[in-house]
Amino acid sequence: MQAPHLTDLRDLVRSRLIPGFTGLTEIEADARDWAEDVGEPPDAAVVEVRRLWDERADAQQRWTEDGDYARLRAAFDELDADGVLARMNFSCCTRCATQAIDGERTPEPDRDDWYKFREWAYVYFHEQDAERLADEDAVLYLGYSAFRPHPTLPDSLLDAMSEGDVDAEHTAYERTETLLAEQIVGVLNRHGLDVAWSGSRHDRIGIRIVRWRKPLPHSAIS
């Protein structure tokens, strides 16, 4: 395998390995497709995948602290307990994630409310975001929004919105997303993550990743 192509293959494999969400079989399939596209032997590409997989697996045996993945996992668990649906590596991109996230909610048909689900909002990062975890000085960006108005909004605002007041609807939407983002940032900070957010609901929340350290999925090499 030619050196330039080998570098490209390693970059591809690292973008799957380091995030830790992709199994060995899927990475091997990606490598075979890549090899066929560039005219390299697929079997040689698979050999390199397995070498890099073993290298990552050996490295994780030497990890002495949990890293940013465990901190984010704990933060997401806390948010989920508070009714904020939290998903990692969810869907391929922002558009697909926002289209699919409704189906992830937990139905609660017996609620004494017009809204019949446990989760009132959501936060996530998608597959393309996850791939960037392999970059040096990686920043992981979180998308977020709400399924319903924030629970703390005043009844007067909600009543005006339900009566068709467009300004009230805009205000409720803006306050809801801002309060949600502030809640997410607060939880992330409490769990020791390095967070960057502009304060605007129009911007995603960034997490500066120092050591991601998500264990590889369990996969046996035959």
N, C-alpha and C. Protein backbone atom coordinates (compact mmCIF):
# COMPACT_ATOMS: atom_id res chain seq x y z
N MET A 1 0.85 -1.19 0.00
CA MET A 1 0.00 0.00 0.00
C MET A 1 0.88 1.24 0.00
N GLN A 2 0.60 2.18 -0.90
CA GLN A 2 1.42 3.38 -1.02
C GLN A 2 1.28 4.26 0.21
N ALA A 3 2.36 4.95 0.58
CA ALA A 3 2.38 5.74 1.82
C ALA A 3 1.28 6.79 1.89
N PRO A 4 1.04 7.60 0.82
CA PRO A 4 -0.04 8.59 0.92
C PRO A 4 -1.40 7.95 1.17
N HIS A 5 -1.64 6.83 0.49
CA HIS A 5 -2.91 6.13 0.70
C HIS A 5 -2.99 5.56 2.11
N LEU A 6 -1.86 5.07 2.62
CA LEU A 6 -1.84 4.52 3.97
C LEU A 6 -2.20 5.60 5.00
N THR A 7 -1.69 6.80 4.80
CA THR A 7 -2.03 7.91 5.70
C THR A 7 -3.52 8.21 5.66
N ASP A 8 -4.09 8.19 4.45
CA ASP A 8 -5.53 8.45 4.32
C ASP A 8 -6.33 7.36 5.02
N LEU A 9 -5.91 6.11 4.86
CA LEU A 9 -6.62 5.01 5.52
C LEU A 9 -6.55 5.15 7.03
N ARG A 10 -5.38 5.48 7.55
CA ARG A 10 -5.24 5.63 9.00
C ARG A 10 -6.12 6.75 9.53
N ASP A 11 -6.22 7.85 8.77
CA ASP A 11 -7.10 8.95 9.19
C ASP A 11 -8.55 8.49 9.22
N LEU A 12 -8.94 7.70 8.21
CA LEU A 12 -10.31 7.18 8.17
C LEU A 12 -10.59 6.29 9.37
N VAL A 13 -9.66 5.38 9.64
CA VAL A 13 -9.86 4.43 10.73
C VAL A 13 -9.87 5.16 12.07
N ARG A 14 -8.98 6.12 12.26
CA ARG A 14 -8.95 6.88 13.51
C ARG A 14 -10.27 7.61 13.75
N SER A 15 -10.88 8.11 12.68
CA SER A 15 -12.15 8.83 12.83
C SER A 15 -13.27 7.91 13.30
N ARG A 16 -13.09 6.61 13.15
CA ARG A 16 -14.07 5.63 13.64
C ARG A 16 -13.65 5.07 15.00
N LEU A 17 -12.34 4.83 15.16
CA LEU A 17 -11.85 4.18 16.37
C LEU A 17 -11.94 5.08 17.60
N ILE A 18 -11.41 6.28 17.51
CA ILE A 18 -11.26 7.12 18.70
C ILE A 18 -12.61 7.51 19.30
N PRO A 19 -13.63 7.85 18.51
CA PRO A 19 -14.92 8.13 19.13
C PRO A 19 -15.48 6.94 19.90
N GLY A 20 -15.23 5.72 19.42
CA GLY A 20 -15.59 4.52 20.16
C GLY A 20 -17.01 4.02 19.97
N PHE A 21 -17.68 4.48 18.92
CA PHE A 21 -19.06 4.06 18.70
C PHE A 21 -19.20 3.01 17.59
N THR A 22 -18.14 2.76 16.83
CA THR A 22 -18.21 1.91 15.65
C THR A 22 -17.49 0.60 15.90
N GLY A 23 -18.15 -0.51 15.60
CA GLY A 23 -17.57 -1.83 15.81
C GLY A 23 -16.55 -2.19 14.74
N LEU A 24 -15.77 -3.22 15.05
CA LEU A 24 -14.70 -3.64 14.14
C LEU A 24 -15.23 -4.03 12.77
N THR A 25 -16.31 -4.79 12.72
CA THR A 25 -16.84 -5.25 11.43
C THR A 25 -17.21 -4.09 10.53
N GLU A 26 -17.82 -3.07 11.11
CA GLU A 26 -18.22 -1.90 10.30
C GLU A 26 -17.00 -1.12 9.83
N ILE A 27 -15.99 -0.99 10.68
CA ILE A 27 -14.78 -0.28 10.26
C ILE A 27 -14.07 -1.05 9.15
N GLU A 28 -14.04 -2.37 9.26
CA GLU A 28 -13.43 -3.18 8.19
C GLU A 28 -14.18 -2.99 6.88
N ALA A 29 -15.50 -2.93 6.94
CA ALA A 29 -16.29 -2.73 5.72
C ALA A 29 -15.99 -1.36 5.11
N ASP A 30 -15.86 -0.33 5.96
CA ASP A 30 -15.50 1.00 5.47
C ASP A 30 -14.13 0.98 4.81
N ALA A 31 -13.20 0.25 5.40
CA ALA A 31 -11.84 0.18 4.85
C ALA A 31 -11.83 -0.55 3.51
N ARG A 32 -12.62 -1.60 3.39
CA ARG A 32 -12.70 -2.31 2.09
C ARG A 32 -13.26 -1.39 1.01
N ASP A 33 -14.31 -0.66 1.35
CA ASP A 33 -14.89 0.28 0.38
C ASP A 33 -13.87 1.33 -0.02
N TRP A 34 -13.15 1.86 0.97
CA TRP A 34 -12.12 2.86 0.69
C TRP A 34 -11.05 2.28 -0.24
N ALA A 35 -10.58 1.06 0.05
CA ALA A 35 -9.52 0.43 -0.75
C ALA A 35 -9.96 0.24 -2.20
N GLU A 36 -11.19 -0.18 -2.38
CA GLU A 36 -11.69 -0.37 -3.74
C GLU A 36 -11.78 0.96 -4.49
N ASP A 37 -12.15 2.01 -3.78
CA ASP A 37 -12.26 3.33 -4.41
C ASP A 37 -10.91 3.86 -4.88
N VAL A 38 -9.83 3.58 -4.11
CA VAL A 38 -8.51 4.14 -4.45
C VAL A 38 -7.62 3.12 -5.15
N GLY A 39 -8.13 1.92 -5.40
CA GLY A 39 -7.36 0.92 -6.12
C GLY A 39 -6.30 0.21 -5.30
N GLU A 40 -6.55 0.07 -3.99
CA GLU A 40 -5.64 -0.65 -3.11
C GLU A 40 -6.25 -2.01 -2.74
N PRO A 41 -5.41 -2.98 -2.32
CA PRO A 41 -5.93 -4.30 -1.95
C PRO A 41 -6.81 -4.22 -0.70
N PRO A 42 -8.05 -4.65 -0.77
CA PRO A 42 -8.92 -4.61 0.42
C PRO A 42 -8.37 -5.41 1.59
N ASP A 43 -7.75 -6.55 1.33
CA ASP A 43 -7.24 -7.36 2.43
C ASP A 43 -6.14 -6.63 3.20
N ALA A 44 -5.31 -5.90 2.49
CA ALA A 44 -4.25 -5.13 3.16
C ALA A 44 -4.86 -4.03 4.02
N ALA A 45 -5.94 -3.44 3.55
CA ALA A 45 -6.61 -2.41 4.34
C ALA A 45 -7.18 -2.99 5.62
N VAL A 46 -7.74 -4.19 5.54
CA VAL A 46 -8.30 -4.84 6.72
C VAL A 46 -7.20 -5.16 7.73
N VAL A 47 -6.04 -5.60 7.24
CA VAL A 47 -4.91 -5.86 8.13
C VAL A 47 -4.54 -4.61 8.91
N GLU A 48 -4.51 -3.48 8.23
CA GLU A 48 -4.17 -2.22 8.90
C GLU A 48 -5.25 -1.83 9.92
N VAL A 49 -6.51 -2.06 9.58
CA VAL A 49 -7.60 -1.79 10.52
C VAL A 49 -7.40 -2.59 11.79
N ARG A 50 -7.11 -3.87 11.65
CA ARG A 50 -6.98 -4.73 12.83
C ARG A 50 -5.75 -4.34 13.65
N ARG A 51 -4.69 -3.88 13.00
CA ARG A 51 -3.52 -3.43 13.74
C ARG A 51 -3.86 -2.20 14.57
N LEU A 52 -4.56 -1.26 13.95
CA LEU A 52 -4.92 -0.04 14.66
C LEU A 52 -5.95 -0.32 15.76
N TRP A 53 -6.85 -1.25 15.50
CA TRP A 53 -7.82 -1.65 16.52
C TRP A 53 -7.10 -2.21 17.75
N ASP A 54 -6.16 -3.13 17.51
CA ASP A 54 -5.41 -3.73 18.62
C ASP A 54 -4.60 -2.67 19.37
N GLU A 55 -4.06 -1.72 18.62
CA GLU A 55 -3.28 -0.64 19.24
C GLU A 55 -4.16 0.20 20.17
N ARG A 56 -5.36 0.52 19.72
CA ARG A 56 -6.29 1.29 20.55
C ARG A 56 -6.75 0.47 21.75
N ALA A 57 -7.03 -0.81 21.54
CA ALA A 57 -7.46 -1.68 22.63
C ALA A 57 -6.37 -1.80 23.69
N ASP A 58 -5.12 -1.92 23.26
CA ASP A 58 -4.01 -1.98 24.22
C ASP A 58 -3.89 -0.67 24.99
N ALA A 59 -4.06 0.46 24.29
CA ALA A 59 -3.94 1.76 24.94
C ALA A 59 -5.01 1.93 26.02
N GLN A 60 -6.21 1.48 25.76
CA GLN A 60 -7.27 1.69 26.74
C GLN A 60 -7.06 0.85 28.00
N GLN A 61 -6.28 -0.20 27.89
CA GLN A 61 -5.95 -0.98 29.09
C GLN A 61 -5.05 -0.19 30.04
N ARG A 62 -4.37 0.82 29.50
CA ARG A 62 -3.45 1.61 30.33
C ARG A 62 -4.08 2.91 30.82
N TRP A 63 -5.33 3.18 30.48
CA TRP A 63 -5.98 4.38 30.95
C TRP A 63 -6.09 4.36 32.48
N THR A 64 -5.72 5.46 33.10
CA THR A 64 -5.72 5.54 34.56
C THR A 64 -6.83 6.44 35.10
N GLU A 65 -7.53 7.15 34.24
CA GLU A 65 -8.68 7.94 34.67
C GLU A 65 -9.73 7.94 33.56
N ASP A 66 -10.95 8.35 33.91
CA ASP A 66 -12.09 8.10 33.04
C ASP A 66 -12.12 8.95 31.77
N GLY A 67 -11.61 10.17 31.84
CA GLY A 67 -11.61 11.01 30.65
C GLY A 67 -12.94 11.70 30.42
N ASP A 68 -13.00 12.45 29.31
CA ASP A 68 -14.15 13.29 29.02
C ASP A 68 -15.39 12.50 28.64
N TYR A 69 -15.21 11.31 28.07
CA TYR A 69 -16.39 10.50 27.72
C TYR A 69 -17.20 10.18 28.96
N ALA A 70 -16.53 9.69 30.02
CA ALA A 70 -17.24 9.32 31.24
C ALA A 70 -17.91 10.54 31.87
N ARG A 71 -17.24 11.69 31.82
CA ARG A 71 -17.84 12.91 32.38
C ARG A 71 -19.08 13.31 31.58
N LEU A 72 -19.00 13.21 30.26
CA LEU A 72 -20.17 13.56 29.44
C LEU A 72 -21.29 12.54 29.64
N ARG A 73 -20.94 11.27 29.77
CA ARG A 73 -21.95 10.24 30.02
C ARG A 73 -22.70 10.54 31.30
N ALA A 74 -21.97 10.90 32.36
CA ALA A 74 -22.61 11.24 33.63
C ALA A 74 -23.49 12.48 33.51
N ALA A 75 -23.01 13.48 32.77
CA ALA A 75 -23.80 14.69 32.56
C ALA A 75 -25.07 14.38 31.79
N PHE A 76 -24.97 13.57 30.75
CA PHE A 76 -26.15 13.20 29.96
C PHE A 76 -27.14 12.40 30.81
N ASP A 77 -26.64 11.53 31.68
CA ASP A 77 -27.54 10.77 32.55
C ASP A 77 -28.31 11.72 33.48
N GLU A 78 -27.62 12.73 34.00
CA GLU A 78 -28.29 13.70 34.88
C GLU A 78 -29.35 14.49 34.11
N LEU A 79 -29.00 14.93 32.90
CA LEU A 79 -29.97 15.67 32.09
C LEU A 79 -31.18 14.81 31.76
N ASP A 80 -30.93 13.56 31.40
CA ASP A 80 -32.03 12.66 31.07
C ASP A 80 -32.97 12.47 32.26
N ALA A 81 -32.39 12.38 33.45
CA ALA A 81 -33.20 12.24 34.66
C ALA A 81 -34.07 13.48 34.89
N ASP A 82 -33.64 14.62 34.37
CA ASP A 82 -34.39 15.87 34.51
C ASP A 82 -35.33 16.12 33.33
N GLY A 83 -35.53 15.12 32.49
CA GLY A 83 -36.47 15.26 31.39
C GLY A 83 -35.88 15.82 30.11
N VAL A 84 -34.55 15.89 30.04
CA VAL A 84 -33.88 16.32 28.80
C VAL A 84 -33.32 15.09 28.11
N LEU A 85 -33.94 14.70 27.04
CA LEU A 85 -33.52 13.52 26.29
C LEU A 85 -32.11 13.73 25.75
N ALA A 86 -31.17 12.87 26.14
CA ALA A 86 -29.76 13.07 25.79
C ALA A 86 -29.26 11.88 24.97
N ARG A 87 -28.68 12.16 23.80
CA ARG A 87 -28.23 11.11 22.91
C ARG A 87 -26.83 11.41 22.37
N MET A 88 -25.99 10.37 22.37
CA MET A 88 -24.65 10.46 21.77
C MET A 88 -24.63 9.77 20.42
N ASN A 89 -23.86 10.35 19.50
CA ASN A 89 -23.68 9.73 18.19
C ASN A 89 -25.03 9.44 17.53
N PHE A 90 -25.94 10.39 17.64
CA PHE A 90 -27.32 10.17 17.21
C PHE A 90 -27.55 10.67 15.80
N SER A 91 -27.84 9.76 14.90
CA SER A 91 -28.14 10.05 13.50
C SER A 91 -26.89 10.62 12.79
N CYS A 92 -27.02 10.89 11.50
CA CYS A 92 -25.83 11.23 10.71
C CYS A 92 -25.49 12.72 10.73
N CYS A 93 -26.50 13.58 10.89
CA CYS A 93 -26.28 15.02 10.76
C CYS A 93 -27.36 15.76 11.52
N THR A 94 -27.26 17.08 11.56
CA THR A 94 -28.22 17.88 12.32
C THR A 94 -29.64 17.71 11.80
N ARG A 95 -29.81 17.79 10.50
CA ARG A 95 -31.17 17.71 9.96
C ARG A 95 -31.82 16.37 10.27
N CYS A 96 -31.08 15.28 10.06
CA CYS A 96 -31.64 13.96 10.32
C CYS A 96 -31.89 13.74 11.81
N ALA A 97 -30.99 14.27 12.64
CA ALA A 97 -31.16 14.11 14.09
C ALA A 97 -32.43 14.82 14.57
N THR A 98 -32.64 16.05 14.11
CA THR A 98 -33.82 16.78 14.57
C THR A 98 -35.11 16.19 14.03
N GLN A 99 -35.02 15.51 12.89
CA GLN A 99 -36.20 14.83 12.35
C GLN A 99 -36.52 13.55 13.11
N ALA A 100 -35.48 12.88 13.62
CA ALA A 100 -35.67 11.57 14.25
C ALA A 100 -35.86 11.63 15.77
N ILE A 101 -35.47 12.73 16.39
CA ILE A 101 -35.41 12.78 17.85
C ILE A 101 -36.78 12.64 18.50
N ASP A 102 -37.84 13.07 17.83
CA ASP A 102 -39.18 12.95 18.42
C ASP A 102 -39.50 11.49 18.76
N GLY A 103 -39.05 10.58 17.91
CA GLY A 103 -39.35 9.16 18.12
C GLY A 103 -38.60 8.54 19.28
N GLU A 104 -37.66 9.27 19.88
CA GLU A 104 -36.90 8.75 21.01
C GLU A 104 -37.59 9.02 22.35
N ARG A 105 -38.64 9.82 22.36
CA ARG A 105 -39.29 10.19 23.61
C ARG A 105 -40.00 9.00 24.27
N THR A 106 -40.18 9.10 25.58
CA THR A 106 -40.87 8.06 26.35
C THR A 106 -42.34 8.44 26.52
N PRO A 107 -43.26 7.69 25.94
CA PRO A 107 -44.69 8.03 26.07
C PRO A 107 -45.16 7.89 27.52
N GLU A 108 -45.99 8.84 27.93
CA GLU A 108 -46.66 8.77 29.23
C GLU A 108 -48.13 9.13 29.00
N PRO A 109 -48.90 8.17 28.48
CA PRO A 109 -50.28 8.47 28.07
C PRO A 109 -51.20 8.87 29.22
N ASP A 110 -50.84 8.57 30.47
CA ASP A 110 -51.71 8.88 31.60
C ASP A 110 -51.44 10.26 32.21
N ARG A 111 -50.54 11.02 31.60
CA ARG A 111 -50.26 12.36 32.13
C ARG A 111 -51.51 13.24 32.06
N ASP A 112 -51.70 14.03 33.10
CA ASP A 112 -52.83 14.97 33.12
C ASP A 112 -52.38 16.27 32.46
N ASP A 113 -52.16 16.19 31.17
CA ASP A 113 -51.54 17.30 30.44
C ASP A 113 -51.76 17.05 28.96
N TRP A 114 -51.67 18.11 28.16
CA TRP A 114 -51.77 17.93 26.71
C TRP A 114 -50.55 17.25 26.13
N TYR A 115 -49.44 17.31 26.86
CA TYR A 115 -48.18 16.74 26.38
C TYR A 115 -47.98 15.39 27.05
N LYS A 116 -47.91 14.31 26.28
CA LYS A 116 -47.97 12.96 26.82
C LYS A 116 -46.62 12.22 26.76
N PHE A 117 -45.54 12.95 27.05
CA PHE A 117 -44.22 12.32 27.04
C PHE A 117 -43.44 12.75 28.28
N ARG A 118 -42.47 11.90 28.68
CA ARG A 118 -41.67 12.21 29.86
C ARG A 118 -40.70 13.36 29.59
N GLU A 119 -40.05 13.37 28.43
CA GLU A 119 -39.00 14.35 28.13
C GLU A 119 -39.59 15.62 27.53
N TRP A 120 -39.15 16.76 28.03
CA TRP A 120 -39.67 18.04 27.53
C TRP A 120 -38.68 18.71 26.56
N ALA A 121 -37.42 18.23 26.52
CA ALA A 121 -36.40 18.84 25.67
C ALA A 121 -35.38 17.78 25.27
N TYR A 122 -34.37 18.19 24.49
CA TYR A 122 -33.35 17.23 24.08
C TYR A 122 -32.00 17.90 23.85
N VAL A 123 -30.96 17.07 23.91
CA VAL A 123 -29.59 17.48 23.59
C VAL A 123 -28.91 16.28 22.96
N TYR A 124 -28.01 16.53 22.02
CA TYR A 124 -27.39 15.41 21.29
C TYR A 124 -26.13 15.88 20.58
N PHE A 125 -25.31 14.91 20.15
CA PHE A 125 -24.35 15.17 19.08
C PHE A 125 -24.49 14.03 18.07
N HIS A 126 -24.25 14.34 16.80
CA HIS A 126 -24.49 13.35 15.75
C HIS A 126 -23.19 12.68 15.29
N GLU A 127 -23.31 11.81 14.33
CA GLU A 127 -22.17 10.99 13.89
C GLU A 127 -21.04 11.82 13.31
N GLN A 128 -21.38 12.84 12.54
CA GLN A 128 -20.33 13.70 11.98
C GLN A 128 -19.60 14.46 13.08
N ASP A 129 -20.35 14.88 14.12
CA ASP A 129 -19.71 15.50 15.28
C ASP A 129 -18.76 14.51 15.94
N ALA A 130 -19.21 13.27 16.10
CA ALA A 130 -18.40 12.26 16.78
C ALA A 130 -17.09 12.00 16.04
N GLU A 131 -17.12 11.99 14.73
CA GLU A 131 -15.90 11.73 13.96
C GLU A 131 -14.82 12.76 14.26
N ARG A 132 -15.21 13.98 14.59
CA ARG A 132 -14.24 15.04 14.87
C ARG A 132 -13.54 14.85 16.22
N LEU A 133 -14.00 13.90 17.00
CA LEU A 133 -13.32 13.59 18.26
C LEU A 133 -11.92 13.05 18.01
N ALA A 134 -11.64 12.60 16.80
CA ALA A 134 -10.31 12.10 16.46
C ALA A 134 -9.34 13.24 16.14
N ASP A 135 -9.83 14.47 16.00
CA ASP A 135 -8.97 15.60 15.67
C ASP A 135 -8.14 16.03 16.88
N GLU A 136 -6.99 16.62 16.62
CA GLU A 136 -6.25 17.28 17.69
C GLU A 136 -7.04 18.52 18.12
N ASP A 137 -6.98 18.83 19.41
CA ASP A 137 -7.74 19.97 19.95
C ASP A 137 -9.21 19.89 19.55
N ALA A 138 -9.78 18.70 19.73
CA ALA A 138 -11.16 18.47 19.30
C ALA A 138 -12.15 19.28 20.13
N VAL A 139 -13.19 19.76 19.46
CA VAL A 139 -14.32 20.40 20.13
C VAL A 139 -15.57 19.64 19.70
N LEU A 140 -16.31 19.16 20.68
CA LEU A 140 -17.54 18.42 20.42
C LEU A 140 -18.71 19.38 20.57
N TYR A 141 -19.53 19.49 19.52
CA TYR A 141 -20.64 20.43 19.54
C TYR A 141 -21.96 19.70 19.80
N LEU A 142 -22.76 20.29 20.69
CA LEU A 142 -24.05 19.71 21.07
C LEU A 142 -25.18 20.55 20.49
N GLY A 143 -26.13 19.85 19.87
CA GLY A 143 -27.37 20.48 19.45
C GLY A 143 -28.43 20.31 20.53
N TYR A 144 -29.40 21.20 20.57
CA TYR A 144 -30.42 21.13 21.62
C TYR A 144 -31.66 21.90 21.17
N SER A 145 -32.77 21.52 21.73
CA SER A 145 -34.02 22.26 21.55
C SER A 145 -35.06 21.63 22.47
N ALA A 146 -36.29 22.11 22.38
CA ALA A 146 -37.34 21.65 23.29
C ALA A 146 -38.54 21.14 22.51
N PHE A 147 -39.23 20.20 23.11
CA PHE A 147 -40.48 19.68 22.55
C PHE A 147 -41.68 20.52 22.99
N ARG A 148 -41.52 21.19 24.12
CA ARG A 148 -42.61 21.97 24.69
C ARG A 148 -42.01 23.17 25.42
N PRO A 149 -42.81 24.16 25.81
CA PRO A 149 -42.26 25.31 26.53
C PRO A 149 -41.61 24.90 27.86
N HIS A 150 -40.66 25.70 28.28
CA HIS A 150 -39.95 25.43 29.54
C HIS A 150 -40.95 25.43 30.71
N PRO A 151 -40.78 24.49 31.64
CA PRO A 151 -41.75 24.36 32.75
C PRO A 151 -41.87 25.60 33.63
N THR A 152 -40.87 26.48 33.62
CA THR A 152 -40.91 27.65 34.50
C THR A 152 -41.52 28.89 33.86
N LEU A 153 -41.92 28.81 32.60
CA LEU A 153 -42.50 30.00 31.95
C LEU A 153 -43.83 30.37 32.61
N PRO A 154 -44.12 31.66 32.72
CA PRO A 154 -45.36 32.08 33.39
C PRO A 154 -46.61 31.68 32.60
N ASP A 155 -47.67 31.41 33.33
CA ASP A 155 -48.92 31.02 32.69
C ASP A 155 -49.44 32.09 31.75
N SER A 156 -49.21 33.35 32.09
CA SER A 156 -49.71 34.43 31.23
C SER A 156 -49.10 34.36 29.84
N LEU A 157 -47.82 34.02 29.78
CA LEU A 157 -47.16 33.91 28.48
C LEU A 157 -47.68 32.70 27.72
N LEU A 158 -47.87 31.59 28.43
CA LEU A 158 -48.36 30.38 27.77
C LEU A 158 -49.80 30.57 27.29
N ASP A 159 -50.61 31.27 28.09
CA ASP A 159 -52.00 31.53 27.68
C ASP A 159 -52.04 32.40 26.42
N ALA A 160 -51.19 33.41 26.39
CA ALA A 160 -51.15 34.28 25.20
C ALA A 160 -50.70 33.49 23.98
N MET A 161 -49.75 32.62 24.17
CA MET A 161 -49.27 31.79 23.06
C MET A 161 -50.38 30.88 22.54
N SER A 162 -51.12 30.26 23.47
CA SER A 162 -52.19 29.34 23.06
C SER A 162 -53.33 30.06 22.37
N GLU A 163 -53.44 31.36 22.62
CA GLU A 163 -54.49 32.15 21.97
C GLU A 163 -54.05 32.71 20.61
N GLY A 164 -52.85 32.33 20.19
CA GLY A 164 -52.39 32.71 18.86
C GLY A 164 -51.55 33.95 18.81
N ASP A 165 -51.07 34.43 19.95
CA ASP A 165 -50.21 35.61 19.98
C ASP A 165 -48.82 35.22 19.46
N VAL A 166 -48.48 35.71 18.27
CA VAL A 166 -47.23 35.33 17.61
C VAL A 166 -46.02 35.82 18.41
N ASP A 167 -46.11 37.04 18.94
CA ASP A 167 -45.00 37.58 19.73
C ASP A 167 -44.77 36.74 20.99
N ALA A 168 -45.87 36.33 21.62
CA ALA A 168 -45.76 35.49 22.81
C ALA A 168 -45.13 34.15 22.46
N GLU A 169 -45.51 33.60 21.33
CA GLU A 169 -44.94 32.32 20.90
C GLU A 169 -43.43 32.45 20.69
N HIS A 170 -43.02 33.53 20.03
CA HIS A 170 -41.59 33.75 19.79
C HIS A 170 -40.84 33.92 21.10
N THR A 171 -41.43 34.69 22.02
CA THR A 171 -40.79 34.91 23.32
C THR A 171 -40.66 33.60 24.09
N ALA A 172 -41.71 32.80 24.08
CA ALA A 172 -41.68 31.52 24.80
C ALA A 172 -40.62 30.60 24.21
N TYR A 173 -40.54 30.57 22.90
CA TYR A 173 -39.57 29.71 22.22
C TYR A 173 -38.14 30.16 22.56
N GLU A 174 -37.94 31.48 22.53
CA GLU A 174 -36.60 32.02 22.80
C GLU A 174 -36.18 31.76 24.25
N ARG A 175 -37.09 32.04 25.18
CA ARG A 175 -36.77 31.82 26.60
C ARG A 175 -36.52 30.34 26.88
N THR A 176 -37.34 29.50 26.28
CA THR A 176 -37.21 28.06 26.51
C THR A 176 -35.84 27.56 26.09
N GLU A 177 -35.42 27.90 24.88
CA GLU A 177 -34.14 27.40 24.40
C GLU A 177 -32.96 28.00 25.17
N THR A 178 -33.09 29.25 25.58
CA THR A 178 -32.02 29.86 26.37
C THR A 178 -31.91 29.21 27.74
N LEU A 179 -33.04 29.00 28.41
CA LEU A 179 -33.04 28.34 29.71
C LEU A 179 -32.52 26.92 29.61
N LEU A 180 -32.90 26.22 28.54
CA LEU A 180 -32.42 24.85 28.32
C LEU A 180 -30.90 24.85 28.16
N ALA A 181 -30.38 25.73 27.31
CA ALA A 181 -28.94 25.77 27.09
C ALA A 181 -28.20 26.10 28.38
N GLU A 182 -28.74 27.03 29.17
CA GLU A 182 -28.11 27.36 30.45
C GLU A 182 -28.10 26.15 31.38
N GLN A 183 -29.18 25.37 31.37
CA GLN A 183 -29.23 24.17 32.19
C GLN A 183 -28.19 23.15 31.74
N ILE A 184 -28.09 22.95 30.44
CA ILE A 184 -27.12 21.99 29.90
C ILE A 184 -25.70 22.41 30.26
N VAL A 185 -25.39 23.68 30.05
CA VAL A 185 -24.05 24.19 30.36
C VAL A 185 -23.73 24.01 31.84
N GLY A 186 -24.70 24.30 32.70
CA GLY A 186 -24.49 24.14 34.12
C GLY A 186 -24.17 22.71 34.51
N VAL A 187 -24.90 21.76 33.93
CA VAL A 187 -24.66 20.34 34.23
C VAL A 187 -23.29 19.91 33.70
N LEU A 188 -22.95 20.32 32.50
CA LEU A 188 -21.65 19.97 31.93
C LEU A 188 -20.51 20.50 32.80
N ASN A 189 -20.65 21.74 33.24
CA ASN A 189 -19.62 22.32 34.10
C ASN A 189 -19.48 21.57 35.41
N ARG A 190 -20.61 21.20 36.01
CA ARG A 190 -20.56 20.47 37.28
C ARG A 190 -19.84 19.14 37.15
N HIS A 191 -19.86 18.58 35.95
CA HIS A 191 -19.20 17.29 35.74
C HIS A 191 -17.76 17.46 35.23
N GLY A 192 -17.24 18.67 35.32
CA GLY A 192 -15.83 18.89 35.05
C GLY A 192 -15.44 19.02 33.59
N LEU A 193 -16.40 19.30 32.72
CA LEU A 193 -16.11 19.46 31.31
C LEU A 193 -15.79 20.92 30.99
N ASP A 194 -14.96 21.13 29.97
CA ASP A 194 -14.54 22.46 29.55
C ASP A 194 -15.50 22.95 28.47
N VAL A 195 -16.43 23.82 28.87
CA VAL A 195 -17.56 24.19 28.01
C VAL A 195 -17.37 25.58 27.44
N ALA A 196 -17.75 25.75 26.18
CA ALA A 196 -17.74 27.06 25.53
C ALA A 196 -19.10 27.26 24.86
N TRP A 197 -19.78 28.33 25.26
CA TRP A 197 -21.08 28.67 24.66
C TRP A 197 -21.21 30.17 24.62
N SER A 198 -21.71 30.70 23.53
CA SER A 198 -21.79 32.14 23.32
C SER A 198 -22.85 32.81 24.18
N GLY A 199 -23.81 32.04 24.68
CA GLY A 199 -24.94 32.61 25.40
C GLY A 199 -26.15 32.80 24.51
N SER A 200 -26.00 32.56 23.21
CA SER A 200 -27.11 32.70 22.27
C SER A 200 -27.72 31.33 21.97
N ARG A 201 -29.04 31.29 21.97
CA ARG A 201 -29.73 30.04 21.65
C ARG A 201 -29.51 29.61 20.21
N HIS A 202 -29.00 30.51 19.38
CA HIS A 202 -28.75 30.18 17.98
C HIS A 202 -27.46 29.39 17.80
N ASP A 203 -26.63 29.33 18.84
CA ASP A 203 -25.33 28.67 18.74
C ASP A 203 -25.32 27.36 19.51
N ARG A 204 -24.63 26.38 18.95
CA ARG A 204 -24.47 25.11 19.65
C ARG A 204 -23.50 25.27 20.83
N ILE A 205 -23.55 24.33 21.71
CA ILE A 205 -22.67 24.30 22.89
C ILE A 205 -21.44 23.48 22.54
N GLY A 206 -20.26 24.03 22.79
CA GLY A 206 -19.02 23.33 22.50
C GLY A 206 -18.38 22.78 23.77
N ILE A 207 -17.78 21.60 23.64
CA ILE A 207 -17.01 21.01 24.74
C ILE A 207 -15.61 20.76 24.23
N ARG A 208 -14.62 21.37 24.86
CA ARG A 208 -13.22 21.13 24.48
C ARG A 208 -12.80 19.79 25.04
N ILE A 209 -12.41 18.89 24.14
CA ILE A 209 -12.08 17.52 24.52
C ILE A 209 -10.58 17.39 24.72
N VAL A 210 -10.19 16.94 25.90
CA VAL A 210 -8.77 16.70 26.19
C VAL A 210 -8.44 15.23 26.03
N ARG A 211 -9.19 14.38 26.71
CA ARG A 211 -9.02 12.92 26.59
C ARG A 211 -10.41 12.31 26.50
N TRP A 212 -10.76 11.79 25.32
CA TRP A 212 -12.11 11.26 25.11
C TRP A 212 -12.27 9.92 25.83
N ARG A 213 -11.48 8.96 25.54
CA ARG A 213 -11.39 7.70 26.27
C ARG A 213 -12.71 6.93 26.39
N LYS A 214 -13.40 6.80 25.29
CA LYS A 214 -14.54 5.87 25.28
C LYS A 214 -14.04 4.49 24.89
N PRO A 215 -14.32 3.46 25.71
CA PRO A 215 -13.87 2.11 25.35
C PRO A 215 -14.45 1.66 24.01
N LEU A 216 -13.69 0.87 23.29
CA LEU A 216 -14.18 0.32 22.03
C LEU A 216 -15.36 -0.61 22.27
N PRO A 217 -16.27 -0.70 21.30
CA PRO A 217 -17.33 -1.71 21.40
C PRO A 217 -16.71 -3.09 21.45
N HIS A 218 -17.37 -4.03 22.11
CA HIS A 218 -16.85 -5.38 22.19
C HIS A 218 -16.91 -6.03 20.81
N SER A 219 -15.75 -6.41 20.30
CA SER A 219 -15.67 -7.09 19.00
C SER A 219 -14.53 -8.11 19.06
N ALA A 220 -14.82 -9.30 18.66
CA ALA A 220 -13.79 -10.34 18.64
C ALA A 220 -13.16 -10.41 17.27
N ILE A 221 -11.83 -10.49 17.22
CA ILE A 221 -11.12 -10.67 15.94
C ILE A 221 -10.96 -12.16 15.69
N SER A 222 -11.49 -12.60 14.57
CA SER A 222 -11.43 -14.05 14.26
C SER A 222 -10.15 -14.39 13.52
